Structure formats: structure tokens, C-alpha cells
PDB file of N, CA and C in Angstrom:
ATOM      1  N   UNK A   1      96.653  85.597 105.471  1.00  0.00           N
ATOM      2  CA  UNK A   1      97.666  85.264 106.439  1.00  0.00           C
ATOM      3  C   UNK A   1      98.852  86.175 106.201  1.00  0.00           C
ATOM      4  N   UNK A   2      99.392  86.719 107.248  1.00  0.00           N
ATOM      5  CA  UNK A   2     100.528  87.617 107.133  1.00  0.00           C
ATOM      6  C   UNK A   2     101.800  87.017 107.698  1.00  0.00           C
ATOM      7  N   UNK A   3     102.913  87.604 107.321  1.00  0.00           N
ATOM      8  CA  UNK A   3     104.208  87.198 107.846  1.00  0.00           C
ATOM      9  C   UNK A   3     104.509  88.036 109.086  1.00  0.00           C
ATOM     10  N   UNK A   4     105.589  87.717 109.770  1.00  0.00           N
ATOM     11  CA  UNK A   4     105.958  88.448 110.976  1.00  0.00           C
ATOM     12  C   UNK A   4     107.477  88.567 111.030  1.00  0.00           C
ATOM     13  N   UNK A   5     107.976  89.189 112.055  1.00  0.00           N
ATOM     14  CA  UNK A   5     109.420  89.298 112.277  1.00  0.00           C
ATOM     15  C   UNK A   5     109.769  88.712 113.637  1.00  0.00           C
ATOM     16  N   UNK A   6     110.957  88.132 113.681  1.00  0.00           N
ATOM     17  CA  UNK A   6     111.487  87.605 114.944  1.00  0.00           C
ATOM     18  C   UNK A   6     112.966  87.960 114.983  1.00  0.00           C
ATOM     19  N   UNK A   7     113.359  88.717 116.002  1.00  0.00           N
ATOM     20  CA  UNK A   7     114.740  89.184 116.150  1.00  0.00           C
ATOM     21  C   UNK A   7     115.224  89.892 114.889  1.00  0.00           C
ATOM     22  N   UNK A   8     114.321  90.703 114.293  1.00  0.00           N
ATOM     23  CA  UNK A   8     114.679  91.508 113.140  1.00  0.00           C
ATOM     24  C   UNK A   8     114.648  90.797 111.802  1.00  0.00           C
ATOM     25  N   UNK A   9     114.341  89.514 111.792  1.00  0.00           N
ATOM     26  CA  UNK A   9     114.322  88.741 110.553  1.00  0.00           C
ATOM     27  C   UNK A   9     112.891  88.338 110.218  1.00  0.00           C
ATOM     28  N   UNK A  10     112.568  88.349 108.931  1.00  0.00           N
ATOM     29  CA  UNK A  10     111.216  87.990 108.490  1.00  0.00           C
ATOM     30  C   UNK A  10     110.978  86.502 108.706  1.00  0.00           C
ATOM     31  N   UNK A  11     109.839  86.175 109.289  1.00  0.00           N
ATOM     32  CA  UNK A  11     109.402  84.792 109.452  1.00  0.00           C
ATOM     33  C   UNK A  11     108.250  84.582 108.468  1.00  0.00           C
ATOM     34  N   UNK A  12     108.461  83.827 107.390  1.00  0.00           N
ATOM     35  CA  UNK A  12     107.439  83.689 106.344  1.00  0.00           C
ATOM     36  C   UNK A  12     106.337  82.706 106.740  1.00  0.00           C
ATOM     37  N   UNK A  13     105.527  83.084 107.718  1.00  0.00           N
ATOM     38  CA  UNK A  13     104.478  82.195 108.213  1.00  0.00           C
ATOM     39  C   UNK A  13     103.529  81.760 107.104  1.00  0.00           C
ATOM     40  N   UNK A  14     103.208  82.686 106.212  1.00  0.00           N
ATOM     41  CA  UNK A  14     102.277  82.357 105.135  1.00  0.00           C
ATOM     42  C   UNK A  14     102.844  81.261 104.241  1.00  0.00           C
ATOM     43  N   UNK A  15     104.101  81.386 103.853  1.00  0.00           N
ATOM     44  CA  UNK A  15     104.688  80.390 102.958  1.00  0.00           C
ATOM     45  C   UNK A  15     104.976  79.069 103.680  1.00  0.00           C
ATOM     46  N   UNK A  16     105.285  79.139 104.968  1.00  0.00           N
ATOM     47  CA  UNK A  16     105.440  77.902 105.741  1.00  0.00           C
ATOM     48  C   UNK A  16     104.114  77.145 105.783  1.00  0.00           C
ATOM     49  N   UNK A  17     103.024  77.870 105.998  1.00  0.00           N
ATOM     50  CA  UNK A  17     101.697  77.253 106.034  1.00  0.00           C
ATOM     51  C   UNK A  17     101.323  76.704 104.660  1.00  0.00           C
ATOM     52  N   UNK A  18     101.614  77.462 103.602  1.00  0.00           N
ATOM     53  CA  UNK A  18     101.344  77.005 102.240  1.00  0.00           C
ATOM     54  C   UNK A  18     102.061  75.677 101.969  1.00  0.00           C
ATOM     55  N   UNK A  19     103.311  75.581 102.373  1.00  0.00           N
ATOM     56  CA  UNK A  19     104.085  74.363 102.169  1.00  0.00           C
ATOM     57  C   UNK A  19     103.474  73.182 102.920  1.00  0.00           C
ATOM     58  N   UNK A  20     102.991  73.419 104.134  1.00  0.00           N
ATOM     59  CA  UNK A  20     102.367  72.332 104.903  1.00  0.00           C
ATOM     60  C   UNK A  20     101.116  71.822 104.204  1.00  0.00           C
ATOM     61  N   UNK A  21     100.318  72.713 103.635  1.00  0.00           N
ATOM     62  CA  UNK A  21      99.133  72.290 102.887  1.00  0.00           C
ATOM     63  C   UNK A  21      99.527  71.487 101.653  1.00  0.00           C
ATOM     64  N   UNK A  22     100.564  71.920 100.957  1.00  0.00           N
ATOM     65  CA  UNK A  22     101.014  71.198  99.771  1.00  0.00           C
ATOM     66  C   UNK A  22     101.520  69.807 100.143  1.00  0.00           C
ATOM     67  N   UNK A  23     102.234  69.687 101.241  1.00  0.00           N
ATOM     68  CA  UNK A  23     102.719  68.374 101.689  1.00  0.00           C
ATOM     69  C   UNK A  23     101.571  67.463 102.106  1.00  0.00           C
ATOM     70  N   UNK A  24     100.432  68.060 102.488  1.00  0.00           N
ATOM     71  CA  UNK A  24      99.254  67.289 102.874  1.00  0.00           C
ATOM     72  C   UNK A  24      98.399  66.902 101.660  1.00  0.00           C
ATOM     73  N   UNK A  25      98.863  67.256 100.451  1.00  0.00           N
ATOM     74  CA  UNK A  25      98.173  66.815  99.247  1.00  0.00           C
ATOM     75  C   UNK A  25      97.333  67.862  98.537  1.00  0.00           C
ATOM     76  N   UNK A  26      97.331  69.088  99.037  1.00  0.00           N
ATOM     77  CA  UNK A  26      96.582  70.153  98.373  1.00  0.00           C
ATOM     78  C   UNK A  26      97.414  70.739  97.239  1.00  0.00           C
ATOM     79  N   UNK A  27      96.746  71.164  96.184  1.00  0.00           N
ATOM     80  CA  UNK A  27      97.402  71.843  95.076  1.00  0.00           C
ATOM     81  C   UNK A  27      97.103  73.331  95.178  1.00  0.00           C
ATOM     82  N   UNK A  28      98.122  74.142  94.970  1.00  0.00           N
ATOM     83  CA  UNK A  28      97.963  75.588  95.053  1.00  0.00           C
ATOM     84  C   UNK A  28      97.402  76.108  93.738  1.00  0.00           C
ATOM     85  N   UNK A  29      96.194  76.656  93.798  1.00  0.00           N
ATOM     86  CA  UNK A  29      95.527  77.157  92.598  1.00  0.00           C
ATOM     87  C   UNK A  29      95.814  78.635  92.373  1.00  0.00           C
ATOM     88  N   UNK A  30      95.794  79.447  93.437  1.00  0.00           N
ATOM     89  CA  UNK A  30      96.006  80.890  93.323  1.00  0.00           C
ATOM     90  C   UNK A  30      96.679  81.426  94.579  1.00  0.00           C
ATOM     91  N   UNK A  31      97.418  82.521  94.408  1.00  0.00           N
ATOM     92  CA  UNK A  31      97.920  83.318  95.533  1.00  0.00           C
ATOM     93  C   UNK A  31      97.383  84.728  95.339  1.00  0.00           C
ATOM     94  N   UNK A  32      96.622  85.200  96.304  1.00  0.00           N
ATOM     95  CA  UNK A  32      96.076  86.556  96.266  1.00  0.00           C
ATOM     96  C   UNK A  32      96.827  87.366  97.322  1.00  0.00           C
ATOM     97  N   UNK A  33      97.367  88.489  96.913  1.00  0.00           N
ATOM     98  CA  UNK A  33      98.110  89.346  97.833  1.00  0.00           C
ATOM     99  C   UNK A  33      97.255  90.568  98.143  1.00  0.00           C
ATOM    100  N   UNK A  34      96.965  90.757  99.423  1.00  0.00           N
ATOM    101  CA  UNK A  34      96.131  91.869  99.866  1.00  0.00           C
ATOM    102  C   UNK A  34      97.022  92.909 100.533  1.00  0.00           C
ATOM    103  N   UNK A  35      97.001  94.118  99.990  1.00  0.00           N
ATOM    104  CA  UNK A  35      97.770  95.200 100.576  1.00  0.00           C
ATOM    105  C   UNK A  35      97.010  95.761 101.772  1.00  0.00           C
ATOM    106  N   UNK A  36      97.730  96.027 102.853  1.00  0.00           N
ATOM    107  CA  UNK A  36      97.129  96.580 104.059  1.00  0.00           C
ATOM    108  C   UNK A  36      97.034  98.107 103.929  1.00  0.00           C
ATOM    109  N   UNK A  37      95.876  98.655 104.200  1.00  0.00           N
ATOM    110  CA  UNK A  37      95.674 100.099 104.179  1.00  0.00           C
ATOM    111  C   UNK A  37      95.120 100.552 105.522  1.00  0.00           C
ATOM    112  N   UNK A  38      95.531 101.709 105.966  1.00  0.00           N
ATOM    113  CA  UNK A  38      94.949 102.370 107.145  1.00  0.00           C
ATOM    114  C   UNK A  38      94.915 101.491 108.389  1.00  0.00           C
ATOM    115  N   UNK A  39      96.003 100.799 108.646  1.00  0.00           N
ATOM    116  CA  UNK A  39      96.079  99.978 109.864  1.00  0.00           C
ATOM    117  C   UNK A  39      96.215 100.898 111.079  1.00  0.00           C
ATOM    118  N   UNK A  40      95.628 100.503 112.168  1.00  0.00           N
ATOM    119  CA  UNK A  40      95.632 101.328 113.370  1.00  0.00           C
ATOM    120  C   UNK A  40      97.057 101.549 113.892  1.00  0.00           C
ATOM    121  N   UNK A  41      97.937 100.555 113.762  1.00  0.00           N
ATOM    122  CA  UNK A  41      99.286 100.657 114.307  1.00  0.00           C
ATOM    123  C   UNK A  41     100.310 101.168 113.291  1.00  0.00           C
ATOM    124  N   UNK A  42      99.873 101.590 112.116  1.00  0.00           N
ATOM    125  CA  UNK A  42     100.810 101.991 111.062  1.00  0.00           C
ATOM    126  C   UNK A  42     101.750 103.104 111.515  1.00  0.00           C
ATOM    127  N   UNK A  43     101.223 104.131 112.187  1.00  0.00           N
ATOM    128  CA  UNK A  43     102.071 105.237 112.639  1.00  0.00           C
ATOM    129  C   UNK A  43     103.192 104.770 113.549  1.00  0.00           C
ATOM    130  N   UNK A  44     102.856 103.918 114.510  1.00  0.00           N
ATOM    131  CA  UNK A  44     103.845 103.363 115.442  1.00  0.00           C
ATOM    132  C   UNK A  44     104.913 102.585 114.689  1.00  0.00           C
ATOM    133  N   UNK A  45     104.490 101.689 113.799  1.00  0.00           N
ATOM    134  CA  UNK A  45     105.450 100.843 113.090  1.00  0.00           C
ATOM    135  C   UNK A  45     106.251 101.611 112.059  1.00  0.00           C
ATOM    136  N   UNK A  46     105.658 102.611 111.440  1.00  0.00           N
ATOM    137  CA  UNK A  46     106.402 103.416 110.477  1.00  0.00           C
ATOM    138  C   UNK A  46     107.551 104.142 111.173  1.00  0.00           C
ATOM    139  N   UNK A  47     107.261 104.715 112.334  1.00  0.00           N
ATOM    140  CA  UNK A  47     108.305 105.401 113.114  1.00  0.00           C
ATOM    141  C   UNK A  47     109.415 104.427 113.496  1.00  0.00           C
ATOM    142  N   UNK A  48     109.044 103.247 113.986  1.00  0.00           N
ATOM    143  CA  UNK A  48     110.052 102.271 114.408  1.00  0.00           C
ATOM    144  C   UNK A  48     110.794 101.655 113.230  1.00  0.00           C
ATOM    145  N   UNK A  49     110.143 101.543 112.067  1.00  0.00           N
ATOM    146  CA  UNK A  49     110.836 100.982 110.905  1.00  0.00           C
ATOM    147  C   UNK A  49     111.979 101.895 110.471  1.00  0.00           C
ATOM    148  N   UNK A  50     111.784 103.191 110.606  1.00  0.00           N
ATOM    149  CA  UNK A  50     112.858 104.135 110.283  1.00  0.00           C
ATOM    150  C   UNK A  50     113.946 104.078 111.361  1.00  0.00           C
ATOM    151  N   UNK A  51     113.519 104.069 112.607  1.00  0.00           N
ATOM    152  CA  UNK A  51     114.462 104.058 113.726  1.00  0.00           C
ATOM    153  C   UNK A  51     115.333 102.799 113.737  1.00  0.00           C
ATOM    154  N   UNK A  52     114.722 101.619 113.467  1.00  0.00           N
ATOM    155  CA  UNK A  52     115.449 100.349 113.565  1.00  0.00           C
ATOM    156  C   UNK A  52     115.788  99.728 112.207  1.00  0.00           C
ATOM    157  N   UNK A  53     115.577 100.494 111.117  1.00  0.00           N
ATOM    158  CA  UNK A  53     115.997 100.098 109.784  1.00  0.00           C
ATOM    159  C   UNK A  53     115.385  98.769 109.315  1.00  0.00           C
ATOM    160  N   UNK A  54     114.057  98.727 109.197  1.00  0.00           N
ATOM    161  CA  UNK A  54     113.389  97.576 108.592  1.00  0.00           C
ATOM    162  C   UNK A  54     112.201  98.059 107.780  1.00  0.00           C
ATOM    163  N   UNK A  55     111.797  97.248 106.819  1.00  0.00           N
ATOM    164  CA  UNK A  55     110.654  97.576 105.978  1.00  0.00           C
ATOM    165  C   UNK A  55     109.372  97.074 106.620  1.00  0.00           C
ATOM    166  N   UNK A  56     108.289  97.794 106.407  1.00  0.00           N
ATOM    167  CA  UNK A  56     106.992  97.356 106.920  1.00  0.00           C
ATOM    168  C   UNK A  56     106.481  96.168 106.120  1.00  0.00           C
ATOM    169  N   UNK A  57     105.866  95.223 106.792  1.00  0.00           N
ATOM    170  CA  UNK A  57     105.168  94.121 106.139  1.00  0.00           C
ATOM    171  C   UNK A  57     103.731  94.589 105.951  1.00  0.00           C
ATOM    172  N   UNK A  58     103.442  95.127 104.792  1.00  0.00           N
ATOM    173  CA  UNK A  58     102.164  95.794 104.570  1.00  0.00           C
ATOM    174  C   UNK A  58     101.263  94.999 103.639  1.00  0.00           C
ATOM    175  N   UNK A  59     101.316  93.675 103.749  1.00  0.00           N
ATOM    176  CA  UNK A  59     100.473  92.840 102.902  1.00  0.00           C
ATOM    177  C   UNK A  59     100.176  91.525 103.615  1.00  0.00           C
ATOM    178  N   UNK A  60      99.153  90.862 103.143  1.00  0.00           N
ATOM    179  CA  UNK A  60      98.788  89.526 103.616  1.00  0.00           C
ATOM    180  C   UNK A  60      98.513  88.659 102.413  1.00  0.00           C
ATOM    181  N   UNK A  61      98.514  87.358 102.620  1.00  0.00           N
ATOM    182  CA  UNK A  61      98.285  86.407 101.531  1.00  0.00           C
ATOM    183  C   UNK A  61      96.980  85.656 101.757  1.00  0.00           C
ATOM    184  N   UNK A  62      96.328  85.345 100.664  1.00  0.00           N
ATOM    185  CA  UNK A  62      95.184  84.444 100.673  1.00  0.00           C
ATOM    186  C   UNK A  62      95.512  83.344  99.670  1.00  0.00           C
ATOM    187  N   UNK A  63      95.674  82.132 100.153  1.00  0.00           N
ATOM    188  CA  UNK A  63      95.990  80.995  99.292  1.00  0.00           C
ATOM    189  C   UNK A  63      94.716  80.259  98.955  1.00  0.00           C
ATOM    190  N   UNK A  64      94.565  79.900  97.697  1.00  0.00           N
ATOM    191  CA  UNK A  64      93.418  79.119  97.249  1.00  0.00           C
ATOM    192  C   UNK A  64      93.957  77.754  96.825  1.00  0.00           C
ATOM    193  N   UNK A  65      93.489  76.731  97.528  1.00  0.00           N
ATOM    194  CA  UNK A  65      93.951  75.371  97.279  1.00  0.00           C
ATOM    195  C   UNK A  65      92.878  74.531  96.620  1.00  0.00           C
ATOM    196  N   UNK A  66      93.312  73.453  96.008  1.00  0.00           N
ATOM    197  CA  UNK A  66      92.409  72.464  95.415  1.00  0.00           C
ATOM    198  C   UNK A  66      92.861  71.102  95.914  1.00  0.00           C
ATOM    199  N   UNK A  67      91.906  70.281  96.303  1.00  0.00           N
ATOM    200  CA  UNK A  67      92.249  68.939  96.792  1.00  0.00           C
ATOM    201  C   UNK A  67      91.667  67.905  95.870  1.00  0.00           C
TER     202      UNK A  67
END
């Protein structure tokens, strides 16, 4: 699961989802961070990240829960 941006600010969708699972009674066993490589839109976003002064979100999370 990856995060996103809204109006220039990071929206931590992954951590919001993780919190909802924890509130539902799941225990967080592991967090695996996957780095994104060779994304099709990387060139477009790299250009815009420089133009509009933001960092690329180049990773996703895999949460492992235990119930």
C-alpha cells in the first residue's frame, strides 16, 4: 500500500489503514517497505517534483498482521 499527496501534502494512507486494523484487534507483526523501481510515470513525476518542490513517494508498505 502506498501513500499519496493531496494539495501538496502527504496523505499517509498506509498508516491510516494500519491504524484501522489495529483498532479492529489485529496486532502488527512486521512492516515491509518496498522501494519502487522503474515506474512508468517516474520521468513525469521526477520533472514535476523539481518544478513544484516535492519529494517523490518511491516506496510502498506491506503490513503483516496477527489476529
